[in-house]
């Protein structure tokens, strides 16, 4: 690697000049990230080269991360996770399980699951692909980890009606941003996720053209899904779509999780509840016909829900974290032992 004297400026990259298509501020920020992550200079060394304080370097690096300008890939495998992947594949008849390492049992699993899912989506995306997508924090956070490219005929279909409030974690937001990454087309469901009655649902589908949108999802090449839990921390509960009374009645009816607002029990059966009849989404039977069914989710509060989802949607690819994977395997084997006894 070429060496520089501290405090000197790179003659090939003069910081006092603008580059076509980017401002000086953008230039300095990207250059800072390059020196830190690629050239592996210390923050103090970078500060000396740029003639700025170390605090400024810290701020520039944080800004670059916030703008999703930094993508880190680790091409290595942790032996412990390989064993967990094989265990999941065997127990749940999954074609491919991907288990992401987690720093500890109390750590938030969403970032590592999203990173692994984003990398996988980048690998499978091809031209003329028809992709149906769900929603939630895990899926939304895959976006910074997806390597975008221009793909001819790439189409994304939201599988669920959109949340009315302007929030990050809603079906429409993830669908159109994914389509943008591959310069494709996005198709949304112009309706709430849950309507007020079965009659309203029927009207929207039959008289307002939503049947055409749902029919577009008939022959999907892949579906990207995430499972929601039934605790107070679940995204569907946090965004205010369910009242306390509705939440309590769902749990009382045996709900342990939801997939596209279809609530199911620990055996993977849809529960008998009126909310399941009012969901504006593509039917789960259509999702099960997609050749690639990716399920990305994790967390201690979702272990039972994920076990149920294995039966409900039968994913071909499952991406989770190592703590969740170990808990799922232990719980399933324990239940199996009890049944034999």
C-alpha atoms as a PDB file:
ATOM      1  CA  UNK A   1       0.000   0.000   0.000  1.00  0.00           C
ATOM      2  CA  UNK A   2       1.280   3.467  -0.862  1.00  0.00           C
ATOM      3  CA  UNK A   3       2.547   5.395   2.194  1.00  0.00           C
ATOM      4  CA  UNK A   4       1.944   9.054   2.970  1.00  0.00           C
ATOM      5  CA  UNK A   5       3.425  11.481   5.386  1.00  0.00           C
ATOM      6  CA  UNK A   6       1.118  12.502   8.181  1.00  0.00           C
ATOM      7  CA  UNK A   7      -0.430  15.869   7.634  1.00  0.00           C
ATOM      8  CA  UNK A   8       0.114  15.709   3.871  1.00  0.00           C
ATOM      9  CA  UNK A   9      -2.686  15.664   1.343  1.00  0.00           C
ATOM     10  CA  UNK A  10      -3.030  13.075  -1.361  1.00  0.00           C
ATOM     11  CA  UNK A  11      -1.842  14.687  -4.631  1.00  0.00           C
ATOM     12  CA  UNK A  12      -4.267  12.495  -6.583  1.00  0.00           C
ATOM     13  CA  UNK A  13      -7.227  13.454  -4.384  1.00  0.00           C
ATOM     14  CA  UNK A  14      -6.909  17.177  -3.551  1.00  0.00           C
ATOM     15  CA  UNK A  15      -9.557  17.927  -0.894  1.00  0.00           C
ATOM     16  CA  UNK A  16      -9.753  21.585  -1.872  1.00  0.00           C
ATOM     17  CA  UNK A  17     -11.346  20.777  -5.239  1.00  0.00           C
ATOM     18  CA  UNK A  18     -14.796  19.552  -6.134  1.00  0.00           C
ATOM     19  CA  UNK A  19     -15.409  16.382  -8.108  1.00  0.00           C
ATOM     20  CA  UNK A  20     -17.996  16.332 -10.838  1.00  0.00           C
ATOM     21  CA  UNK A  21     -21.251  14.938  -9.421  1.00  0.00           C
ATOM     22  CA  UNK A  22     -20.360  15.295  -5.732  1.00  0.00           C
ATOM     23  CA  UNK A  23     -19.825  18.095  -3.269  1.00  0.00           C
ATOM     24  CA  UNK A  24     -16.649  18.638  -1.290  1.00  0.00           C
ATOM     25  CA  UNK A  25     -18.438  17.431   1.848  1.00  0.00           C
ATOM     26  CA  UNK A  26     -19.433  14.178   0.131  1.00  0.00           C
ATOM     27  CA  UNK A  27     -15.890  13.758  -1.136  1.00  0.00           C
ATOM     28  CA  UNK A  28     -14.304  14.170   2.302  1.00  0.00           C
ATOM     29  CA  UNK A  29     -16.828  11.816   3.924  1.00  0.00           C
ATOM     30  CA  UNK A  30     -16.266   9.027   1.398  1.00  0.00           C
ATOM     31  CA  UNK A  31     -12.511   9.525   1.482  1.00  0.00           C
ATOM     32  CA  UNK A  32     -12.592   9.255   5.274  1.00  0.00           C
ATOM     33  CA  UNK A  33     -14.542   5.982   5.086  1.00  0.00           C
ATOM     34  CA  UNK A  34     -12.123   4.626   2.469  1.00  0.00           C
ATOM     35  CA  UNK A  35      -9.046   5.381   4.575  1.00  0.00           C
ATOM     36  CA  UNK A  36     -10.624   3.848   7.683  1.00  0.00           C
ATOM     37  CA  UNK A  37     -12.221   0.683   6.274  1.00  0.00           C
ATOM     38  CA  UNK A  38     -10.038  -0.087   3.250  1.00  0.00           C
ATOM     39  CA  UNK A  39      -6.643   1.402   4.048  1.00  0.00           C
ATOM     40  CA  UNK A  40      -7.172   0.579   7.739  1.00  0.00           C
ATOM     41  CA  UNK A  41      -5.712   3.822   8.996  1.00  0.00           C
ATOM     42  CA  UNK A  42      -6.537   4.856  12.556  1.00  0.00           C
ATOM     43  CA  UNK A  43      -8.894   7.734  13.247  1.00  0.00           C
ATOM     44  CA  UNK A  44      -5.946   9.775  14.512  1.00  0.00           C
ATOM     45  CA  UNK A  45      -3.969   9.117  11.319  1.00  0.00           C
ATOM     46  CA  UNK A  46      -6.943  10.148   9.182  1.00  0.00           C
ATOM     47  CA  UNK A  47      -7.406  13.308  11.239  1.00  0.00           C
ATOM     48  CA  UNK A  48      -3.756  14.230  10.619  1.00  0.00           C
ATOM     49  CA  UNK A  49      -4.064  13.647   6.874  1.00  0.00           C
ATOM     50  CA  UNK A  50      -7.236  15.732   6.610  1.00  0.00           C
ATOM     51  CA  UNK A  51      -6.002  18.368   9.042  1.00  0.00           C
ATOM     52  CA  UNK A  52      -9.143  17.980  11.171  1.00  0.00           C
ATOM     53  CA  UNK A  53      -9.873  16.886  14.719  1.00  0.00           C
ATOM     54  CA  UNK A  54     -10.472  13.229  15.606  1.00  0.00           C
ATOM     55  CA  UNK A  55     -14.052  14.082  16.622  1.00  0.00           C
ATOM     56  CA  UNK A  56     -14.680  15.225  13.053  1.00  0.00           C
ATOM     57  CA  UNK A  57     -13.447  11.872  11.737  1.00  0.00           C
ATOM     58  CA  UNK A  58     -15.788  10.014  14.099  1.00  0.00           C
ATOM     59  CA  UNK A  59     -18.690  12.168  12.887  1.00  0.00           C
ATOM     60  CA  UNK A  60     -17.831  11.610   9.203  1.00  0.00           C
ATOM     61  CA  UNK A  61     -17.697   7.825   9.677  1.00  0.00           C
ATOM     62  CA  UNK A  62     -21.023   7.830  11.526  1.00  0.00           C
ATOM     63  CA  UNK A  63     -22.565   9.945   8.761  1.00  0.00           C
ATOM     64  CA  UNK A  64     -21.300   7.537   6.084  1.00  0.00           C
ATOM     65  CA  UNK A  65     -22.848   4.598   7.932  1.00  0.00           C
ATOM     66  CA  UNK A  66     -26.145   6.442   8.371  1.00  0.00           C
ATOM     67  CA  UNK A  67     -26.246   7.133   4.615  1.00  0.00           C
ATOM     68  CA  UNK A  68     -25.732   3.417   3.865  1.00  0.00           C
ATOM     69  CA  UNK A  69     -22.516   4.253   2.013  1.00  0.00           C
ATOM     70  CA  UNK A  70     -20.615   1.485   3.797  1.00  0.00           C
ATOM     71  CA  UNK A  71     -21.291  -2.182   3.172  1.00  0.00           C
ATOM     72  CA  UNK A  72     -19.192  -4.801   4.967  1.00  0.00           C
ATOM     73  CA  UNK A  73     -19.005  -8.406   3.750  1.00  0.00           C
ATOM     74  CA  UNK A  74     -17.344 -11.226   5.682  1.00  0.00           C
ATOM     75  CA  UNK A  75     -16.676 -14.256   3.501  1.00  0.00           C
ATOM     76  CA  UNK A  76     -16.159 -16.796   6.254  1.00  0.00           C
ATOM     77  CA  UNK A  77     -18.208 -19.366   8.134  1.00  0.00           C
ATOM     78  CA  UNK A  78     -18.534 -19.877  11.875  1.00  0.00           C
ATOM     79  CA  UNK A  79     -18.389 -23.602  12.693  1.00  0.00           C
ATOM     80  CA  UNK A  80     -21.084 -23.411  15.391  1.00  0.00           C
ATOM     81  CA  UNK A  81     -23.601 -21.859  13.025  1.00  0.00           C
ATOM     82  CA  UNK A  82     -23.004 -24.583  10.427  1.00  0.00           C
ATOM     83  CA  UNK A  83     -24.153 -27.211  12.914  1.00  0.00           C
ATOM     84  CA  UNK A  84     -27.259 -25.180  13.699  1.00  0.00           C
ATOM     85  CA  UNK A  85     -28.024 -24.771   9.991  1.00  0.00           C
ATOM     86  CA  UNK A  86     -27.873 -28.514   9.453  1.00  0.00           C
ATOM     87  CA  UNK A  87     -30.108 -29.050  12.475  1.00  0.00           C
ATOM     88  CA  UNK A  88     -32.763 -26.658  11.166  1.00  0.00           C
ATOM     89  CA  UNK A  89     -32.673 -28.176   7.687  1.00  0.00           C
ATOM     90  CA  UNK A  90     -33.141 -31.665   9.079  1.00  0.00           C
ATOM     91  CA  UNK A  91     -35.868 -30.870  11.604  1.00  0.00           C
ATOM     92  CA  UNK A  92     -37.974 -28.602   9.397  1.00  0.00           C
ATOM     93  CA  UNK A  93     -37.207 -29.992   5.927  1.00  0.00           C
ATOM     94  CA  UNK A  94     -35.674 -26.714   4.733  1.00  0.00           C
ATOM     95  CA  UNK A  95     -33.588 -26.611   1.582  1.00  0.00           C
ATOM     96  CA  UNK A  96     -31.252 -23.957   2.979  1.00  0.00           C
ATOM     97  CA  UNK A  97     -30.883 -22.512   6.467  1.00  0.00           C
ATOM     98  CA  UNK A  98     -28.639 -19.526   7.122  1.00  0.00           C
ATOM     99  CA  UNK A  99     -27.746 -18.792  10.747  1.00  0.00           C
ATOM    100  CA  UNK A 100     -26.091 -15.488  11.597  1.00  0.00           C
ATOM    101  CA  UNK A 101     -23.732 -15.171  14.584  1.00  0.00           C
ATOM    102  CA  UNK A 102     -24.969 -13.031  17.471  1.00  0.00           C
ATOM    103  CA  UNK A 103     -22.822 -11.282  20.082  1.00  0.00           C
ATOM    104  CA  UNK A 104     -24.935 -12.553  22.974  1.00  0.00           C
ATOM    105  CA  UNK A 105     -28.387 -13.789  24.052  1.00  0.00           C
ATOM    106  CA  UNK A 106     -29.525 -10.276  24.952  1.00  0.00           C
ATOM    107  CA  UNK A 107     -28.426  -8.667  21.664  1.00  0.00           C
ATOM    108  CA  UNK A 108     -30.993  -7.483  19.109  1.00  0.00           C
ATOM    109  CA  UNK A 109     -31.034 -10.176  16.386  1.00  0.00           C
ATOM    110  CA  UNK A 110     -32.607  -7.976  13.698  1.00  0.00           C
ATOM    111  CA  UNK A 111     -29.361  -6.370  12.383  1.00  0.00           C
ATOM    112  CA  UNK A 112     -27.540  -9.673  11.846  1.00  0.00           C
ATOM    113  CA  UNK A 113     -30.567 -11.412  10.330  1.00  0.00           C
ATOM    114  CA  UNK A 114     -31.189  -8.470   8.019  1.00  0.00           C
ATOM    115  CA  UNK A 115     -27.544  -8.414   6.921  1.00  0.00           C
ATOM    116  CA  UNK A 116     -27.610 -12.128   6.060  1.00  0.00           C
ATOM    117  CA  UNK A 117     -30.972 -11.806   4.286  1.00  0.00           C
ATOM    118  CA  UNK A 118     -29.791  -8.788   2.304  1.00  0.00           C
ATOM    119  CA  UNK A 119     -26.763 -10.698   1.094  1.00  0.00           C
ATOM    120  CA  UNK A 120     -28.919 -13.659   0.066  1.00  0.00           C
ATOM    121  CA  UNK A 121     -31.404 -11.468  -1.793  1.00  0.00           C
ATOM    122  CA  UNK A 122     -28.483  -9.913  -3.682  1.00  0.00           C
ATOM    123  CA  UNK A 123     -27.395 -13.376  -4.802  1.00  0.00           C
ATOM    124  CA  UNK A 124     -30.752 -14.620  -6.081  1.00  0.00           C
ATOM    125  CA  UNK A 125     -32.036 -11.463  -7.791  1.00  0.00           C
ATOM    126  CA  UNK A 126     -32.153 -11.894 -11.582  1.00  0.00           C
ATOM    127  CA  UNK A 127     -33.743 -10.230 -14.592  1.00  0.00           C
ATOM    128  CA  UNK A 128     -37.440 -10.939 -15.248  1.00  0.00           C
ATOM    129  CA  UNK A 129     -37.904 -12.063 -11.650  1.00  0.00           C
ATOM    130  CA  UNK A 130     -41.281 -11.638  -9.943  1.00  0.00           C
ATOM    131  CA  UNK A 131     -40.872 -11.137  -6.205  1.00  0.00           C
ATOM    132  CA  UNK A 132     -43.613 -10.879  -3.596  1.00  0.00           C
ATOM    133  CA  UNK A 133     -42.695  -9.149  -0.349  1.00  0.00           C
ATOM    134  CA  UNK A 134     -44.062  -8.961   3.160  1.00  0.00           C
ATOM    135  CA  UNK A 135     -43.209  -6.308   5.699  1.00  0.00           C
ATOM    136  CA  UNK A 136     -41.665  -5.614   9.099  1.00  0.00           C
ATOM    137  CA  UNK A 137     -38.499  -4.317  10.729  1.00  0.00           C
ATOM    138  CA  UNK A 138     -36.362  -7.285   9.683  1.00  0.00           C
ATOM    139  CA  UNK A 139     -37.191  -7.019   5.987  1.00  0.00           C
ATOM    140  CA  UNK A 140     -36.906  -3.237   5.924  1.00  0.00           C
ATOM    141  CA  UNK A 141     -33.434  -3.435   7.439  1.00  0.00           C
ATOM    142  CA  UNK A 142     -32.196  -5.717   4.653  1.00  0.00           C
ATOM    143  CA  UNK A 143     -32.146  -2.742   2.267  1.00  0.00           C
ATOM    144  CA  UNK A 144     -28.676  -1.375   3.209  1.00  0.00           C
ATOM    145  CA  UNK A 145     -27.216  -4.873   2.705  1.00  0.00           C
ATOM    146  CA  UNK A 146     -28.682  -5.530  -0.739  1.00  0.00           C
ATOM    147  CA  UNK A 147     -26.332  -4.944  -3.635  1.00  0.00           C
ATOM    148  CA  UNK A 148     -28.459  -3.087  -6.144  1.00  0.00           C
ATOM    149  CA  UNK A 149     -28.099  -3.442  -9.892  1.00  0.00           C
ATOM    150  CA  UNK A 150     -30.084  -2.819 -13.044  1.00  0.00           C
ATOM    151  CA  UNK A 151     -32.228  -5.879 -13.807  1.00  0.00           C
ATOM    152  CA  UNK A 152     -34.512  -5.974 -16.837  1.00  0.00           C
ATOM    153  CA  UNK A 153     -38.090  -6.927 -16.054  1.00  0.00           C
ATOM    154  CA  UNK A 154     -37.571  -7.119 -12.288  1.00  0.00           C
ATOM    155  CA  UNK A 155     -40.943  -6.754 -10.545  1.00  0.00           C
ATOM    156  CA  UNK A 156     -41.831  -6.431  -6.874  1.00  0.00           C
ATOM    157  CA  UNK A 157     -45.330  -7.068  -5.553  1.00  0.00           C
ATOM    158  CA  UNK A 158     -46.425  -6.017  -2.089  1.00  0.00           C
ATOM    159  CA  UNK A 159     -48.348  -8.933  -0.633  1.00  0.00           C
ATOM    160  CA  UNK A 160     -50.228  -6.848   1.915  1.00  0.00           C
ATOM    161  CA  UNK A 161     -52.244  -3.671   2.015  1.00  0.00           C
ATOM    162  CA  UNK A 162     -50.305  -0.603   3.119  1.00  0.00           C
ATOM    163  CA  UNK A 163     -50.378   1.016   6.504  1.00  0.00           C
ATOM    164  CA  UNK A 164     -52.017   4.431   6.306  1.00  0.00           C
ATOM    165  CA  UNK A 165     -49.590   6.268   8.597  1.00  0.00           C
ATOM    166  CA  UNK A 166     -46.247   7.404   7.180  1.00  0.00           C
ATOM    167  CA  UNK A 167     -43.912   4.939   8.881  1.00  0.00           C
ATOM    168  CA  UNK A 168     -40.744   3.139   7.888  1.00  0.00           C
ATOM    169  CA  UNK A 169     -42.028  -0.342   8.656  1.00  0.00           C
ATOM    170  CA  UNK A 170     -44.914  -0.736   6.269  1.00  0.00           C
ATOM    171  CA  UNK A 171     -45.526  -2.938   3.235  1.00  0.00           C
ATOM    172  CA  UNK A 172     -45.435  -0.169   0.638  1.00  0.00           C
ATOM    173  CA  UNK A 173     -42.155   1.312   1.863  1.00  0.00           C
ATOM    174  CA  UNK A 174     -40.167  -1.917   1.630  1.00  0.00           C
ATOM    175  CA  UNK A 175     -41.702  -2.961  -1.683  1.00  0.00           C
ATOM    176  CA  UNK A 176     -40.924   0.219  -3.611  1.00  0.00           C
ATOM    177  CA  UNK A 177     -37.442   0.610  -2.156  1.00  0.00           C
ATOM    178  CA  UNK A 178     -36.581  -2.964  -3.141  1.00  0.00           C
ATOM    179  CA  UNK A 179     -37.854  -2.294  -6.649  1.00  0.00           C
ATOM    180  CA  UNK A 180     -35.721   0.866  -6.801  1.00  0.00           C
ATOM    181  CA  UNK A 181     -32.558  -1.056  -5.872  1.00  0.00           C
ATOM    182  CA  UNK A 182     -32.915  -3.195  -8.995  1.00  0.00           C
ATOM    183  CA  UNK A 183     -34.426  -0.438 -11.151  1.00  0.00           C
ATOM    184  CA  UNK A 184     -37.565  -2.499 -11.499  1.00  0.00           C
ATOM    185  CA  UNK A 185     -41.300  -1.969 -11.160  1.00  0.00           C
ATOM    186  CA  UNK A 186     -43.218  -1.984  -7.893  1.00  0.00           C
ATOM    187  CA  UNK A 187     -46.868  -2.922  -7.478  1.00  0.00           C
ATOM    188  CA  UNK A 188     -48.678  -1.967  -4.273  1.00  0.00           C
ATOM    189  CA  UNK A 189     -52.018  -2.844  -2.721  1.00  0.00           C
ATOM    190  CA  UNK A 190     -53.911   0.491  -2.386  1.00  0.00           C
ATOM    191  CA  UNK A 191     -55.840  -0.489   0.722  1.00  0.00           C
ATOM    192  CA  UNK A 192     -55.328  -0.757   4.477  1.00  0.00           C
ATOM    193  CA  UNK A 193     -53.731  -3.924   5.792  1.00  0.00           C
ATOM    194  CA  UNK A 194     -56.920  -4.712   7.707  1.00  0.00           C
ATOM    195  CA  UNK A 195     -60.334  -3.384   6.684  1.00  0.00           C
ATOM    196  CA  UNK A 196     -63.379  -2.895   8.896  1.00  0.00           C
ATOM    197  CA  UNK A 197     -65.476  -5.789   7.584  1.00  0.00           C
ATOM    198  CA  UNK A 198     -65.590  -8.774   5.283  1.00  0.00           C
ATOM    199  CA  UNK A 199     -68.047  -6.848   3.118  1.00  0.00           C
ATOM    200  CA  UNK A 200     -65.555  -4.007   2.645  1.00  0.00           C
ATOM    201  CA  UNK A 201     -62.882  -6.505   1.698  1.00  0.00           C
ATOM    202  CA  UNK A 202     -65.132  -8.131  -0.865  1.00  0.00           C
ATOM    203  CA  UNK A 203     -66.062  -4.770  -2.356  1.00  0.00           C
ATOM    204  CA  UNK A 204     -62.456  -3.634  -2.687  1.00  0.00           C
ATOM    205  CA  UNK A 205     -61.466  -6.867  -4.395  1.00  0.00           C
ATOM    206  CA  UNK A 206     -64.442  -7.298  -6.713  1.00  0.00           C
ATOM    207  CA  UNK A 207     -65.429  -3.708  -7.526  1.00  0.00           C
ATOM    208  CA  UNK A 208     -62.309  -1.608  -6.993  1.00  0.00           C
ATOM    209  CA  UNK A 209     -59.814  -3.570  -9.050  1.00  0.00           C
ATOM    210  CA  UNK A 210     -57.769  -5.174  -6.281  1.00  0.00           C
ATOM    211  CA  UNK A 211     -58.435  -8.617  -7.722  1.00  0.00           C
ATOM    212  CA  UNK A 212     -56.191  -7.638 -10.645  1.00  0.00           C
ATOM    213  CA  UNK A 213     -53.321  -6.832  -8.295  1.00  0.00           C
ATOM    214  CA  UNK A 214     -53.754 -10.067  -6.348  1.00  0.00           C
ATOM    215  CA  UNK A 215     -53.830 -12.043  -9.601  1.00  0.00           C
ATOM    216  CA  UNK A 216     -50.456 -10.528 -10.534  1.00  0.00           C
ATOM    217  CA  UNK A 217     -49.004 -12.451  -7.593  1.00  0.00           C
ATOM    218  CA  UNK A 218     -50.287 -15.749  -8.967  1.00  0.00           C
ATOM    219  CA  UNK A 219     -46.972 -16.870 -10.470  1.00  0.00           C
ATOM    220  CA  UNK A 220     -44.245 -15.481  -8.236  1.00  0.00           C
ATOM    221  CA  UNK A 221     -40.649 -16.648  -8.504  1.00  0.00           C
ATOM    222  CA  UNK A 222     -39.876 -15.752  -4.899  1.00  0.00           C
ATOM    223  CA  UNK A 223     -41.533 -14.442  -1.751  1.00  0.00           C
ATOM    224  CA  UNK A 224     -39.708 -12.606   1.037  1.00  0.00           C
ATOM    225  CA  UNK A 225     -41.461 -12.965   4.372  1.00  0.00           C
ATOM    226  CA  UNK A 226     -41.035 -12.258   8.065  1.00  0.00           C
ATOM    227  CA  UNK A 227     -42.996 -13.534  11.052  1.00  0.00           C
ATOM    228  CA  UNK A 228     -44.569 -11.310  13.668  1.00  0.00           C
ATOM    229  CA  UNK A 229     -45.032 -12.266  17.297  1.00  0.00           C
ATOM    230  CA  UNK A 230     -47.931 -11.634  19.648  1.00  0.00           C
ATOM    231  CA  UNK A 231     -46.069  -9.814  22.410  1.00  0.00           C
ATOM    232  CA  UNK A 232     -46.393  -6.088  23.036  1.00  0.00           C
ATOM    233  CA  UNK A 233     -43.111  -5.552  21.135  1.00  0.00           C
ATOM    234  CA  UNK A 234     -44.465  -6.974  17.853  1.00  0.00           C
ATOM    235  CA  UNK A 235     -44.401  -4.493  14.980  1.00  0.00           C
ATOM    236  CA  UNK A 236     -48.094  -5.002  14.199  1.00  0.00           C
ATOM    237  CA  UNK A 237     -48.897  -4.072  17.790  1.00  0.00           C
ATOM    238  CA  UNK A 238     -46.411  -1.214  18.011  1.00  0.00           C
ATOM    239  CA  UNK A 239     -47.804   0.594  14.952  1.00  0.00           C
ATOM    240  CA  UNK A 240     -51.229   0.622  16.536  1.00  0.00           C
ATOM    241  CA  UNK A 241     -53.030  -1.685  14.125  1.00  0.00           C
ATOM    242  CA  UNK A 242     -54.324  -3.875  16.924  1.00  0.00           C
ATOM    243  CA  UNK A 243     -56.153  -2.609  19.964  1.00  0.00           C
ATOM    244  CA  UNK A 244     -55.486  -4.096  23.383  1.00  0.00           C
ATOM    245  CA  UNK A 245     -58.794  -5.915  23.208  1.00  0.00           C
ATOM    246  CA  UNK A 246     -58.044  -7.379  19.777  1.00  0.00           C
ATOM    247  CA  UNK A 247     -54.577  -8.448  20.896  1.00  0.00           C
ATOM    248  CA  UNK A 248     -55.988 -10.183  23.973  1.00  0.00           C
ATOM    249  CA  UNK A 249     -58.679 -11.948  21.946  1.00  0.00           C
ATOM    250  CA  UNK A 250     -56.111 -13.199  19.426  1.00  0.00           C
ATOM    251  CA  UNK A 251     -53.944 -14.641  22.181  1.00  0.00           C
ATOM    252  CA  UNK A 252     -56.998 -16.179  23.844  1.00  0.00           C
ATOM    253  CA  UNK A 253     -57.871 -17.838  20.521  1.00  0.00           C
ATOM    254  CA  UNK A 254     -54.439 -19.474  20.461  1.00  0.00           C
ATOM    255  CA  UNK A 255     -52.483 -17.061  18.250  1.00  0.00           C
ATOM    256  CA  UNK A 256     -48.733 -17.340  18.653  1.00  0.00           C
ATOM    257  CA  UNK A 257     -47.682 -15.303  15.617  1.00  0.00           C
ATOM    258  CA  UNK A 258     -48.749 -13.788  12.314  1.00  0.00           C
ATOM    259  CA  UNK A 259     -47.684 -13.903   8.698  1.00  0.00           C
ATOM    260  CA  UNK A 260     -49.043 -11.010   6.618  1.00  0.00           C
ATOM    261  CA  UNK A 261     -51.535 -10.419   9.458  1.00  0.00           C
ATOM    262  CA  UNK A 262     -52.774 -14.002   9.202  1.00  0.00           C
ATOM    263  CA  UNK A 263     -52.647 -15.167  12.819  1.00  0.00           C
ATOM    264  CA  UNK A 264     -51.788 -18.806  13.495  1.00  0.00           C
ATOM    265  CA  UNK A 265     -51.204 -21.190  16.390  1.00  0.00           C
ATOM    266  CA  UNK A 266     -48.121 -23.178  17.420  1.00  0.00           C
ATOM    267  CA  UNK A 267     -49.114 -26.022  15.096  1.00  0.00           C
ATOM    268  CA  UNK A 268     -49.091 -23.698  12.091  1.00  0.00           C
ATOM    269  CA  UNK A 269     -52.873 -23.596  11.705  1.00  0.00           C
ATOM    270  CA  UNK A 270     -54.746 -20.351  11.103  1.00  0.00           C
ATOM    271  CA  UNK A 271     -56.849 -19.559  14.151  1.00  0.00           C
ATOM    272  CA  UNK A 272     -60.578 -18.968  14.018  1.00  0.00           C
ATOM    273  CA  UNK A 273     -60.686 -15.182  14.429  1.00  0.00           C
ATOM    274  CA  UNK A 274     -62.507 -12.430  12.549  1.00  0.00           C
ATOM    275  CA  UNK A 275     -59.294 -10.435  11.920  1.00  0.00           C
ATOM    276  CA  UNK A 276     -58.025 -13.201   9.650  1.00  0.00           C
ATOM    277  CA  UNK A 277     -61.117 -12.642   7.492  1.00  0.00           C
ATOM    278  CA  UNK A 278     -60.481  -8.902   7.154  1.00  0.00           C
ATOM    279  CA  UNK A 279     -56.846  -8.947   6.016  1.00  0.00           C
ATOM    280  CA  UNK A 280     -56.121  -7.370   2.618  1.00  0.00           C
ATOM    281  CA  UNK A 281     -53.378  -9.667   1.431  1.00  0.00           C
ATOM    282  CA  UNK A 282     -52.472 -12.308  -1.085  1.00  0.00           C
ATOM    283  CA  UNK A 283     -53.634 -15.732   0.081  1.00  0.00           C
ATOM    284  CA  UNK A 284     -51.081 -17.931   1.832  1.00  0.00           C
ATOM    285  CA  UNK A 285     -51.884 -20.765  -0.570  1.00  0.00           C
ATOM    286  CA  UNK A 286     -50.429 -18.690  -3.404  1.00  0.00           C
ATOM    287  CA  UNK A 287     -47.268 -18.005  -1.430  1.00  0.00           C
ATOM    288  CA  UNK A 288     -46.646 -21.703  -0.907  1.00  0.00           C
ATOM    289  CA  UNK A 289     -46.500 -22.176  -4.695  1.00  0.00           C
ATOM    290  CA  UNK A 290     -43.497 -19.864  -5.131  1.00  0.00           C
ATOM    291  CA  UNK A 291     -40.284 -21.821  -5.891  1.00  0.00           C
ATOM    292  CA  UNK A 292     -38.283 -19.642  -3.480  1.00  0.00           C
ATOM    293  CA  UNK A 293     -39.924 -18.926  -0.116  1.00  0.00           C
ATOM    294  CA  UNK A 294     -37.577 -16.954   2.090  1.00  0.00           C
ATOM    295  CA  UNK A 295     -38.455 -16.486   5.750  1.00  0.00           C
ATOM    296  CA  UNK A 296     -36.218 -14.129   7.740  1.00  0.00           C
ATOM    297  CA  UNK A 297     -36.965 -13.600  11.416  1.00  0.00           C
ATOM    298  CA  UNK A 298     -35.708 -14.197  14.923  1.00  0.00           C
ATOM    299  CA  UNK A 299     -35.810 -13.289  18.595  1.00  0.00           C
ATOM    300  CA  UNK A 300     -36.681 -15.171  21.799  1.00  0.00           C
ATOM    301  CA  UNK A 301     -40.286 -13.963  21.661  1.00  0.00           C
ATOM    302  CA  UNK A 302     -40.726 -15.505  18.192  1.00  0.00           C
ATOM    303  CA  UNK A 303     -39.391 -19.033  18.747  1.00  0.00           C
ATOM    304  CA  UNK A 304     -42.838 -20.626  19.010  1.00  0.00           C
ATOM    305  CA  UNK A 305     -44.171 -18.515  16.131  1.00  0.00           C
ATOM    306  CA  UNK A 306     -41.293 -19.528  13.874  1.00  0.00           C
ATOM    307  CA  UNK A 307     -41.845 -23.200  14.597  1.00  0.00           C
ATOM    308  CA  UNK A 308     -45.492 -22.755  13.640  1.00  0.00           C
ATOM    309  CA  UNK A 309     -44.533 -20.790  10.511  1.00  0.00           C
ATOM    310  CA  UNK A 310     -42.393 -23.696   9.306  1.00  0.00           C
ATOM    311  CA  UNK A 311     -45.595 -25.695   8.892  1.00  0.00           C
ATOM    312  CA  UNK A 312     -47.735 -22.795   7.715  1.00  0.00           C
ATOM    313  CA  UNK A 313     -45.614 -21.573   4.791  1.00  0.00           C
ATOM    314  CA  UNK A 314     -42.982 -24.337   4.444  1.00  0.00           C
ATOM    315  CA  UNK A 315     -40.060 -21.996   3.598  1.00  0.00           C
ATOM    316  CA  UNK A 316     -37.344 -23.175   1.252  1.00  0.00           C
ATOM    317  CA  UNK A 317     -34.865 -20.726   2.815  1.00  0.00           C
ATOM    318  CA  UNK A 318     -34.820 -19.727   6.481  1.00  0.00           C
ATOM    319  CA  UNK A 319     -32.555 -17.000   7.849  1.00  0.00           C
ATOM    320  CA  UNK A 320     -32.262 -16.389  11.581  1.00  0.00           C
ATOM    321  CA  UNK A 321     -29.713 -15.811  14.347  1.00  0.00           C
ATOM    322  CA  UNK A 322     -27.816 -18.473  16.295  1.00  0.00           C
ATOM    323  CA  UNK A 323     -29.685 -17.942  19.587  1.00  0.00           C
ATOM    324  CA  UNK A 324     -33.089 -18.308  17.938  1.00  0.00           C
ATOM    325  CA  UNK A 325     -31.903 -21.314  15.904  1.00  0.00           C
ATOM    326  CA  UNK A 326     -30.659 -23.122  19.013  1.00  0.00           C
ATOM    327  CA  UNK A 327     -33.915 -22.406  20.870  1.00  0.00           C
ATOM    328  CA  UNK A 328     -36.033 -23.660  17.958  1.00  0.00           C
ATOM    329  CA  UNK A 329     -34.066 -26.885  17.732  1.00  0.00           C
ATOM    330  CA  UNK A 330     -34.170 -27.480  21.483  1.00  0.00           C
ATOM    331  CA  UNK A 331     -37.903 -26.762  21.747  1.00  0.00           C
ATOM    332  CA  UNK A 332     -38.789 -28.957  18.754  1.00  0.00           C
ATOM    333  CA  UNK A 333     -36.706 -31.901  19.968  1.00  0.00           C
ATOM    334  CA  UNK A 334     -38.115 -31.548  23.483  1.00  0.00           C
ATOM    335  CA  UNK A 335     -41.682 -31.560  22.157  1.00  0.00           C
ATOM    336  CA  UNK A 336     -40.824 -34.597  20.051  1.00  0.00           C
ATOM    337  CA  UNK A 337     -39.492 -36.439  23.070  1.00  0.00           C
ATOM    338  CA  UNK A 338     -42.633 -35.654  25.060  1.00  0.00           C
ATOM    339  CA  UNK A 339     -44.858 -37.001  22.293  1.00  0.00           C
ATOM    340  CA  UNK A 340     -42.889 -40.267  22.164  1.00  0.00           C
ATOM    341  CA  UNK A 341     -43.132 -40.598  25.943  1.00  0.00           C
END
